[in-house]
N, C-alpha and C. Protein backbone atom coordinates (compact mmCIF):
# COMPACT_ATOMS: atom_id res chain seq x y z
N UNK A 1 0.74 -1.50 0.61
CA UNK A 1 -0.05 0.02 0.13
C UNK A 1 0.86 1.27 0.23
N UNK A 2 0.50 2.19 -0.36
CA UNK A 2 2.34 2.94 -0.85
C UNK A 2 0.74 4.34 0.48
N UNK A 3 1.62 4.65 0.20
CA UNK A 3 1.40 5.98 1.40
C UNK A 3 1.83 7.37 0.53
N UNK A 4 -0.27 7.56 0.69
CA UNK A 4 -0.10 8.56 -0.03
C UNK A 4 -1.07 10.77 0.70
N UNK A 5 0.96 11.31 1.40
CA UNK A 5 0.14 12.56 1.47
C UNK A 5 -0.73 13.40 0.95
N UNK A 6 -1.31 13.70 -0.38
CA UNK A 6 -2.36 14.19 -0.64
C UNK A 6 -3.80 14.03 0.34
N UNK A 7 -3.74 12.34 0.69
CA UNK A 7 -4.91 11.92 0.80
C UNK A 7 -4.97 12.87 2.24
N UNK A 8 -4.55 12.84 2.94
CA UNK A 8 -4.61 12.77 4.27
C UNK A 8 -3.88 14.30 4.37
N UNK A 9 -3.71 14.69 3.90
CA UNK A 9 -3.50 16.71 4.42
C UNK A 9 -4.91 16.88 3.17
N UNK A 10 -6.26 15.82 3.08
CA UNK A 10 -6.85 16.22 2.27
C UNK A 10 -6.72 17.33 0.25
N UNK A 11 -6.38 16.70 0.44
CA UNK A 11 -5.68 17.13 -0.92
C UNK A 11 -6.59 16.46 -1.76
N UNK A 12 -7.83 17.05 -3.42
CA UNK A 12 -7.80 16.38 -3.87
C UNK A 12 -6.88 16.26 -5.10
N UNK A 13 -7.12 14.44 -5.71
CA UNK A 13 -6.31 15.24 -6.73
C UNK A 13 -7.39 14.43 -8.32
N UNK A 14 -7.18 14.83 -8.90
CA UNK A 14 -8.51 14.59 -10.00
C UNK A 14 -7.45 13.33 -11.00
N UNK A 15 -8.31 12.20 -11.43
CA UNK A 15 -7.70 11.57 -12.15
C UNK A 15 -6.40 11.46 -13.37
N UNK A 16 -6.05 12.37 -14.29
CA UNK A 16 -4.77 12.70 -15.25
C UNK A 16 -4.27 12.90 -13.57
N UNK A 17 -3.82 13.72 -12.22
CA UNK A 17 -3.28 13.76 -11.79
C UNK A 17 -2.27 12.33 -11.16
N UNK A 18 -3.64 11.90 -11.00
CA UNK A 18 -2.98 10.22 -10.03
C UNK A 18 -3.25 9.39 -10.67
N UNK A 19 -3.00 9.17 -12.10
CA UNK A 19 -2.89 8.46 -13.50
C UNK A 19 -0.90 9.08 -13.42
N UNK A 20 -0.78 10.24 -13.76
CA UNK A 20 0.91 10.36 -13.69
C UNK A 20 1.72 10.47 -12.67
N UNK A 21 1.35 10.14 -11.73
CA UNK A 21 1.33 10.22 -10.15
C UNK A 21 2.00 8.31 -10.07
N UNK A 22 1.09 7.73 -10.51
CA UNK A 22 1.48 6.50 -10.77
C UNK A 22 2.85 6.08 -11.61
N UNK A 23 2.18 6.49 -12.86
CA UNK A 23 3.63 5.74 -13.75
C UNK A 23 4.46 6.66 -13.87
N UNK A 24 5.33 8.05 -13.24
CA UNK A 24 5.43 8.82 -12.02
C UNK A 24 6.59 7.37 -11.55
N UNK A 25 5.81 7.04 -10.89
CA UNK A 25 7.06 5.76 -9.27
C UNK A 25 7.01 4.71 -11.04
N UNK A 26 6.36 3.78 -11.54
CA UNK A 26 6.25 2.98 -11.62
C UNK A 26 8.00 3.17 -13.23
N UNK A 27 7.87 4.39 -13.38
CA UNK A 27 8.69 4.04 -14.89
C UNK A 27 10.56 4.71 -13.73
N UNK A 28 10.52 5.51 -11.78
CA UNK A 28 11.49 5.84 -11.32
C UNK A 28 11.47 4.17 -10.85
N UNK A 29 10.60 3.29 -10.36
CA UNK A 29 10.81 1.05 -10.31
C UNK A 29 11.76 0.97 -11.42
N UNK A 30 11.71 2.01 -12.24
CA UNK A 30 12.00 0.12 -13.37
C UNK A 30 13.55 0.79 -13.46
N UNK A 31 13.76 2.37 -13.17
CA UNK A 31 15.36 2.54 -13.60
C UNK A 31 15.73 2.38 -13.16
N UNK A 32 15.37 2.68 -11.23
CA UNK A 32 15.91 1.91 -10.17
C UNK A 32 16.08 0.96 -9.39
N UNK A 33 15.71 0.60 -10.30
CA UNK A 33 15.34 -0.79 -9.47
C UNK A 33 14.35 -1.27 -7.20
N UNK A 34 14.40 -0.32 -7.61
CA UNK A 34 13.65 -0.40 -6.33
C UNK A 34 12.06 -0.38 -5.98
N UNK A 35 11.31 -0.33 -5.40
CA UNK A 35 9.88 -1.13 -4.62
C UNK A 35 8.94 0.59 -4.66
N UNK A 36 8.00 0.85 -5.53
CA UNK A 36 7.36 1.63 -5.24
C UNK A 36 7.62 1.82 -3.58
N UNK A 37 6.84 1.41 -3.18
CA UNK A 37 6.79 1.59 -1.73
C UNK A 37 7.95 1.75 -1.25
N UNK A 38 9.63 1.27 -1.27
CA UNK A 38 10.40 1.94 -1.07
C UNK A 38 10.78 3.12 -0.66
N UNK A 39 10.53 3.86 -2.21
CA UNK A 39 10.77 5.04 -3.24
C UNK A 39 9.33 6.35 -1.27
N UNK A 40 8.44 5.64 -1.50
CA UNK A 40 7.66 6.95 -1.22
C UNK A 40 7.79 5.89 1.16
N UNK A 41 8.67 5.19 1.24
CA UNK A 41 9.15 5.45 2.62
C UNK A 41 10.64 6.50 2.90
N UNK A 42 11.19 6.36 1.66
CA UNK A 42 11.78 7.11 1.98
C UNK A 42 11.74 8.68 1.43
N UNK A 43 10.94 9.45 0.55
CA UNK A 43 10.36 10.42 0.14
C UNK A 43 9.49 10.93 1.73
N UNK A 44 8.74 10.19 2.50
CA UNK A 44 7.93 10.00 3.33
C UNK A 44 8.96 10.58 5.15
N UNK A 45 10.29 10.42 4.62
CA UNK A 45 11.30 10.55 5.15
C UNK A 45 11.65 11.42 5.80
N UNK A 46 12.08 11.66 3.66
CA UNK A 46 13.21 13.44 3.81
C UNK A 46 11.65 14.36 4.12
N UNK A 47 10.55 14.30 3.71
CA UNK A 47 9.68 15.63 4.16
C UNK A 47 9.72 15.42 5.95
N UNK A 48 10.07 14.82 6.62
CA UNK A 48 9.64 14.78 8.18
C UNK A 48 10.29 15.54 8.32
N UNK A 49 11.62 15.39 7.72
CA UNK A 49 13.68 15.80 8.60
C UNK A 49 13.48 17.38 8.18
N UNK A 50 12.45 17.27 6.04
CA UNK A 50 12.80 19.00 5.98
C UNK A 50 11.80 19.89 6.99
N UNK A 51 10.99 19.32 7.16
CA UNK A 51 10.39 19.93 7.61
C UNK A 51 10.20 20.58 8.57
N UNK A 52 11.02 19.92 9.32
CA UNK A 52 11.81 20.49 11.27
C UNK A 52 13.06 22.00 10.93
N UNK A 53 12.63 22.13 10.26
CA UNK A 53 13.46 23.04 9.86
C UNK A 53 12.93 24.16 9.04
N UNK A 54 11.91 23.83 7.40
CA UNK A 54 11.82 24.21 6.91
C UNK A 54 10.21 24.19 6.34
N UNK A 55 9.33 25.51 6.30
CA UNK A 55 7.47 25.07 5.80
C UNK A 55 8.08 24.36 4.12
N UNK A 56 7.69 24.00 3.82
CA UNK A 56 7.72 23.19 2.08
C UNK A 56 6.74 23.36 1.52
N UNK A 57 6.67 23.59 -0.09
CA UNK A 57 4.97 22.90 -1.03
C UNK A 57 5.39 21.52 -0.92
N UNK A 58 4.40 20.05 0.01
CA UNK A 58 4.50 19.06 -0.31
C UNK A 58 4.06 18.95 -2.05
N UNK A 59 2.63 19.63 -2.09
CA UNK A 59 1.84 19.42 -3.48
C UNK A 59 3.27 19.46 -4.33
N UNK A 60 4.02 20.68 -4.69
CA UNK A 60 4.60 20.44 -4.95
C UNK A 60 6.07 19.74 -5.58
N UNK A 61 6.31 18.81 -4.59
CA UNK A 61 7.63 18.33 -4.23
C UNK A 61 7.57 16.95 -5.30
N UNK A 62 9.14 16.26 -5.42
CA UNK A 62 9.54 15.70 -6.64
C UNK A 62 10.73 15.61 -6.29
N UNK A 63 10.03 13.89 -6.16
CA UNK A 63 11.53 13.16 -5.73
C UNK A 63 11.42 11.66 -6.62
N UNK A 64 12.66 11.87 -6.91
CA UNK A 64 13.31 10.85 -7.87
C UNK A 64 15.03 9.94 -7.69
N UNK A 65 13.57 8.24 -8.21
CA UNK A 65 15.47 7.78 -7.98
C UNK A 65 16.00 7.07 -8.74
N UNK A 66 17.19 7.08 -9.86
CA UNK A 66 17.02 6.95 -11.23
C UNK A 66 18.18 6.57 -10.53
N UNK A 67 19.03 6.31 -12.30
CA UNK A 67 20.69 5.92 -12.14
C UNK A 67 21.60 6.53 -13.01
N UNK A 68 21.87 6.86 -12.87
CA UNK A 68 23.33 7.71 -13.82
C UNK A 68 24.70 7.54 -13.78
N UNK A 69 25.44 8.09 -14.34
CA UNK A 69 26.84 7.37 -14.20
C UNK A 69 27.73 7.71 -13.51
N UNK A 70 28.81 7.30 -12.61
CA UNK A 70 29.49 7.36 -11.67
C UNK A 70 31.01 8.11 -13.00
N UNK A 71 31.04 8.75 -11.96
CA UNK A 71 32.14 9.12 -12.34
C UNK A 71 33.43 8.61 -13.48
N UNK A 72 33.53 8.03 -13.57
CA UNK A 72 34.96 7.09 -13.83
C UNK A 72 33.52 6.51 -16.18
N UNK A 73 32.09 7.13 -15.69
CA UNK A 73 31.54 7.29 -16.75
C UNK A 73 32.03 5.78 -18.11
N UNK A 74 31.89 5.14 -16.79
CA UNK A 74 31.77 3.31 -17.75
C UNK A 74 30.64 3.29 -16.71
N UNK A 75 29.90 2.77 -15.49
CA UNK A 75 29.27 1.61 -14.29
C UNK A 75 27.67 3.25 -14.74
N UNK A 76 27.03 2.73 -14.38
CA UNK A 76 25.76 3.39 -13.58
C UNK A 76 25.89 3.23 -12.57
N UNK A 77 25.20 4.60 -11.29
CA UNK A 77 24.90 4.48 -9.96
C UNK A 77 23.70 5.01 -10.06
N UNK A 78 23.09 4.44 -7.91
CA UNK A 78 21.82 5.44 -8.58
C UNK A 78 21.87 6.61 -7.73
N UNK A 79 21.48 7.37 -7.94
CA UNK A 79 20.98 9.07 -7.89
C UNK A 79 19.87 9.20 -7.59
N UNK A 80 20.19 9.88 -6.62
CA UNK A 80 18.18 10.80 -5.48
C UNK A 80 18.49 12.21 -6.28
N UNK A 81 17.89 12.74 -6.81
CA UNK A 81 17.24 14.19 -7.13
C UNK A 81 16.12 14.44 -6.39
N UNK A 82 15.11 15.63 -6.38
CA UNK A 82 14.45 16.19 -5.91
C UNK A 82 14.77 17.32 -5.63
N UNK A 83 13.16 17.38 -5.75
CA UNK A 83 13.06 19.64 -6.01
C UNK A 83 12.03 19.63 -4.86
N UNK A 84 11.94 20.78 -3.77
CA UNK A 84 11.71 20.58 -2.75
C UNK A 84 11.22 22.06 -2.66
N UNK A 85 9.72 22.81 -2.73
CA UNK A 85 9.68 23.43 -3.15
C UNK A 85 9.89 24.07 -1.18
N UNK A 86 10.53 24.86 -1.17
CA UNK A 86 10.89 25.53 0.09
C UNK A 86 9.35 27.03 0.57
N UNK A 87 8.71 26.99 1.20
CA UNK A 87 7.60 28.76 1.35
C UNK A 87 8.21 29.59 2.26
N UNK A 88 8.91 28.82 3.40
CA UNK A 88 9.47 29.43 3.92
C UNK A 88 10.34 29.33 5.82
N UNK A 89 11.98 29.52 5.79
CA UNK A 89 13.09 28.53 6.79
C UNK A 89 12.42 29.12 8.42
N UNK A 90 11.99 27.79 9.37
CA UNK A 90 11.58 28.16 10.49
C UNK A 90 12.90 28.37 11.58
N UNK A 91 12.23 29.25 12.31
CA UNK A 91 13.55 29.60 12.31
C UNK A 91 13.92 28.70 14.03
N UNK A 92 15.40 28.57 13.60
CA UNK A 92 16.19 27.47 14.63
C UNK A 92 16.26 28.52 16.15
N UNK A 93 17.07 27.42 17.07
CA UNK A 93 16.99 27.32 18.25
C UNK A 93 18.16 27.92 18.76
N UNK A 94 18.12 29.15 18.10
CA UNK A 94 18.91 30.89 18.94
C UNK A 94 18.22 31.23 20.00
């Protein structure tokens, strides 16, 4: 079962957006050879950590796990790409 933050926060998606999200997960799974559930766990943990320091726009969050060429140019290694729109930096414990 996938963890859907939009349902928790009451945001409703139309069928086009749901299909787009599912296709993204399938493509990411194929490229990185990880399960969609694993990717959702990573996404949840990233949101949890970053949210303690800044207010983010979760609806525009884009996290992808893919493969990229290594420094030697011969092998492919996993790479995590994240686009996390920041609304506001929270005040630190100063």
